[in-house]
């Protein structure tokens, strides 16, 4: 559904049209020119900017969660990931929030990640939940277990499920690994990095 608060550029576009209308009016009916007429396009533009600054939409909040999460992983910062995770977190491998964070502290130890670049993001919101289909290029540190067991870069696709909390914030309550380098995968690649990643490197689908 179209949302004005998520599309402030619509009002800025409208401001340009109003400006053209004012210019046309003032050129055709020069005798009716008034200084206040210039306030019309400026007012519409300010309204668009004001709405964007005043209201943070669910879409913007979800995008912020994703950006913060990617930055925390890139910085190998499990403490930065923790506030993004819902208390009832559970996925096909981690049975609780604590399990996920424990796994993070074990695996996300420097040297691990060198850089993460977002390739695509598709967000489907069905309040109070949303699904984010996320694809990222991950560059591992050359000395990491991931780079040594598999290779230094990988295209990883994950589905991130988020849920709106009572305080109106959005938190992650499930993450599932979908693909690694366009091959079907799962959280199984995180169980034993050496053996599982070598299977992917050989073109073999690892077990779940």
Protein backbone atom coordinates (compact mmCIF):
# COMPACT_ATOMS: atom_id res chain seq x y z
CA UNK A 1 0.00 0.00 0.00
CA UNK A 2 1.29 3.48 -0.89
CA UNK A 3 2.33 5.45 2.16
CA UNK A 4 2.96 9.20 2.03
CA UNK A 5 5.36 9.01 4.97
CA UNK A 6 7.47 6.45 3.08
CA UNK A 7 7.35 8.48 -0.15
CA UNK A 8 8.28 12.10 0.78
CA UNK A 9 9.70 12.58 -2.72
CA UNK A 10 6.12 12.57 -4.00
CA UNK A 11 5.47 15.88 -2.29
CA UNK A 12 8.79 17.27 -3.51
CA UNK A 13 7.75 16.31 -7.03
CA UNK A 14 4.42 18.00 -6.43
CA UNK A 15 6.29 21.11 -5.28
CA UNK A 16 8.07 21.25 -8.66
CA UNK A 17 4.72 21.02 -10.45
CA UNK A 18 3.30 23.78 -8.26
CA UNK A 19 6.35 25.91 -9.07
CA UNK A 20 5.74 25.46 -12.81
CA UNK A 21 2.11 26.37 -12.22
CA UNK A 22 3.07 29.54 -10.37
CA UNK A 23 5.54 30.52 -13.11
CA UNK A 24 2.88 29.95 -15.78
CA UNK A 25 0.27 31.92 -13.82
CA UNK A 26 2.62 34.84 -13.26
CA UNK A 27 3.65 34.96 -16.94
CA UNK A 28 0.07 34.78 -18.30
CA UNK A 29 -1.58 37.03 -15.73
CA UNK A 30 1.26 39.37 -14.90
CA UNK A 31 -1.11 41.90 -13.37
CA UNK A 32 -2.05 39.33 -10.69
CA UNK A 33 1.48 38.63 -9.52
CA UNK A 34 1.85 38.52 -5.74
CA UNK A 35 5.00 37.82 -3.67
CA UNK A 36 3.16 35.26 -1.53
CA UNK A 37 2.62 33.02 -4.57
CA UNK A 38 6.24 31.83 -4.26
CA UNK A 39 5.31 30.41 -0.86
CA UNK A 40 3.05 27.77 -2.44
CA UNK A 41 5.77 25.47 -3.92
CA UNK A 42 8.05 26.16 -0.96
CA UNK A 43 5.27 25.16 1.44
CA UNK A 44 4.62 21.87 -0.36
CA UNK A 45 8.35 21.03 -0.38
CA UNK A 46 8.71 21.85 3.32
CA UNK A 47 5.69 19.69 4.08
CA UNK A 48 7.33 16.70 2.40
CA UNK A 49 10.61 17.19 4.25
CA UNK A 50 8.80 17.79 7.53
CA UNK A 51 6.72 14.63 7.26
CA UNK A 52 9.82 12.59 6.49
CA UNK A 53 11.67 13.98 9.53
CA UNK A 54 8.71 13.85 11.91
CA UNK A 55 7.53 10.30 11.27
CA UNK A 56 9.69 7.17 11.29
CA UNK A 57 7.80 4.47 9.43
CA UNK A 58 7.89 0.73 10.04
CA UNK A 59 9.81 0.32 6.78
CA UNK A 60 12.47 2.78 7.94
CA UNK A 61 12.72 1.06 11.33
CA UNK A 62 13.16 -2.36 9.70
CA UNK A 63 15.82 -1.01 7.33
CA UNK A 64 17.63 0.46 10.32
CA UNK A 65 17.62 -2.95 12.05
CA UNK A 66 19.14 -4.53 8.93
CA UNK A 67 21.79 -1.81 8.55
CA UNK A 68 22.73 -2.02 12.22
CA UNK A 69 22.92 -5.80 12.09
CA UNK A 70 25.14 -5.83 9.00
CA UNK A 71 27.45 -3.24 10.55
CA UNK A 72 27.68 -5.22 13.81
CA UNK A 73 28.57 -8.44 11.96
CA UNK A 74 31.16 -6.63 9.86
CA UNK A 75 32.68 -5.21 13.05
CA UNK A 76 32.52 -8.68 14.69
CA UNK A 77 30.50 -7.07 17.46
CA UNK A 78 28.17 -9.55 19.14
CA UNK A 79 27.28 -6.96 21.79
CA UNK A 80 25.95 -4.77 18.99
CA UNK A 81 23.83 -7.63 17.65
CA UNK A 82 22.21 -8.49 20.99
CA UNK A 83 19.81 -5.47 21.18
CA UNK A 84 18.40 -6.37 17.74
CA UNK A 85 17.33 -9.89 18.77
CA UNK A 86 13.86 -10.57 20.19
CA UNK A 87 13.49 -12.43 23.49
CA UNK A 88 11.53 -15.22 21.75
CA UNK A 89 14.11 -15.74 18.97
CA UNK A 90 14.25 -19.25 17.48
CA UNK A 91 15.36 -20.69 14.15
CA UNK A 92 16.03 -24.12 12.65
CA UNK A 93 19.41 -24.36 14.41
CA UNK A 94 19.30 -22.00 17.40
CA UNK A 95 16.54 -22.82 19.86
CA UNK A 96 16.76 -19.54 21.75
CA UNK A 97 18.16 -16.02 21.73
CA UNK A 98 20.93 -17.08 24.10
CA UNK A 99 21.88 -19.95 21.78
CA UNK A 100 22.25 -17.55 18.84
CA UNK A 101 24.35 -15.10 20.83
CA UNK A 102 26.53 -17.89 22.23
CA UNK A 103 27.10 -19.11 18.68
CA UNK A 104 27.94 -15.55 17.64
CA UNK A 105 30.56 -15.25 20.36
CA UNK A 106 32.14 -18.55 19.31
CA UNK A 107 32.17 -18.00 15.53
CA UNK A 108 32.44 -14.24 15.15
CA UNK A 109 35.94 -14.03 16.59
CA UNK A 110 38.59 -11.95 14.79
CA UNK A 111 39.91 -12.53 12.26
CA UNK A 112 36.54 -13.29 10.69
CA UNK A 113 34.77 -10.72 8.53
CA UNK A 114 36.55 -8.13 6.43
CA UNK A 115 33.63 -6.51 4.61
CA UNK A 116 29.90 -6.96 3.91
CA UNK A 117 28.15 -5.39 0.94
CA UNK A 118 24.41 -5.54 0.57
CA UNK A 119 23.33 -6.76 -2.89
CA UNK A 120 19.55 -6.77 -2.60
CA UNK A 121 16.83 -6.35 0.00
CA UNK A 122 13.17 -7.27 -0.36
CA UNK A 123 10.89 -6.40 2.54
CA UNK A 124 7.37 -7.75 2.95
CA UNK A 125 5.47 -6.24 5.87
CA UNK A 126 2.37 -7.91 7.29
CA UNK A 127 2.07 -6.21 10.70
CA UNK A 128 3.06 -7.08 13.33
CA UNK A 129 5.62 -9.15 11.39
CA UNK A 130 7.83 -8.69 8.35
CA UNK A 131 10.13 -10.80 6.21
CA UNK A 132 13.37 -9.46 4.77
CA UNK A 133 14.91 -11.43 1.90
CA UNK A 134 18.52 -10.30 2.06
CA UNK A 135 21.46 -11.02 -0.25
CA UNK A 136 24.96 -9.93 0.73
CA UNK A 137 28.50 -10.27 -0.56
CA UNK A 138 30.61 -11.27 2.41
CA UNK A 139 34.38 -10.93 2.28
CA UNK A 140 36.10 -12.94 5.00
CA UNK A 141 39.48 -12.13 6.49
CA UNK A 142 42.10 -14.13 4.59
CA UNK A 143 43.23 -15.73 7.86
CA UNK A 144 39.73 -16.73 8.96
CA UNK A 145 38.57 -20.33 9.14
CA UNK A 146 35.92 -19.46 6.56
CA UNK A 147 38.41 -18.23 3.96
CA UNK A 148 40.77 -21.14 4.57
CA UNK A 149 38.05 -23.81 4.45
CA UNK A 150 35.99 -22.33 1.59
CA UNK A 151 37.11 -19.10 -0.09
CA UNK A 152 37.47 -15.46 0.81
CA UNK A 153 34.22 -14.15 -0.71
CA UNK A 154 30.73 -15.60 -0.81
CA UNK A 155 27.28 -14.50 -1.95
CA UNK A 156 24.97 -15.34 0.93
CA UNK A 157 21.16 -15.18 0.89
CA UNK A 158 19.24 -15.18 4.16
CA UNK A 159 15.65 -14.64 5.23
CA UNK A 160 15.36 -12.36 8.25
CA UNK A 161 12.06 -12.36 10.11
CA UNK A 162 11.30 -9.38 12.34
CA UNK A 163 8.42 -8.66 14.68
CA UNK A 164 7.06 -5.42 16.07
CA UNK A 165 7.51 -5.16 19.82
CA UNK A 166 5.18 -3.55 22.40
CA UNK A 167 7.45 -0.47 22.44
CA UNK A 168 6.90 -0.09 18.66
CA UNK A 169 10.46 -1.15 17.83
CA UNK A 170 11.21 -4.05 15.47
CA UNK A 171 13.42 -6.96 16.50
CA UNK A 172 14.68 -10.07 14.76
CA UNK A 173 12.90 -13.24 15.88
CA UNK A 174 14.23 -15.65 13.25
CA UNK A 175 16.98 -15.89 10.62
CA UNK A 176 17.35 -18.69 8.08
CA UNK A 177 20.25 -19.20 5.69
CA UNK A 178 18.80 -19.79 2.21
CA UNK A 179 21.74 -19.95 -0.21
CA UNK A 180 25.52 -19.74 -0.36
CA UNK A 181 26.86 -18.80 -3.79
CA UNK A 182 23.44 -19.61 -5.26
CA UNK A 183 23.48 -23.15 -3.89
CA UNK A 184 20.76 -24.20 -1.44
CA UNK A 185 22.11 -24.11 2.10
CA UNK A 186 21.01 -23.86 5.71
CA UNK A 187 22.40 -23.15 9.16
CA UNK A 188 24.25 -26.44 8.64
CA UNK A 189 27.14 -24.43 7.20
CA UNK A 190 27.63 -22.94 10.64
CA UNK A 191 27.78 -26.23 12.55
CA UNK A 192 31.25 -27.29 11.41
CA UNK A 193 32.82 -24.65 9.14
CA UNK A 194 35.62 -26.79 7.80
CA UNK A 195 33.72 -29.86 6.62
CA UNK A 196 30.49 -28.15 5.62
CA UNK A 197 32.14 -25.33 3.67
CA UNK A 198 34.39 -27.75 1.84
CA UNK A 199 31.27 -29.54 0.63
CA UNK A 200 29.98 -26.26 -0.80
CA UNK A 201 33.34 -25.56 -2.38
CA UNK A 202 33.12 -28.96 -4.10
CA UNK A 203 29.61 -28.19 -5.33
CA UNK A 204 27.91 -30.56 -2.91
CA UNK A 205 24.80 -29.49 -1.01
CA UNK A 206 25.46 -29.78 2.75
CA UNK A 207 22.92 -31.53 4.92
CA UNK A 208 20.60 -29.49 7.13
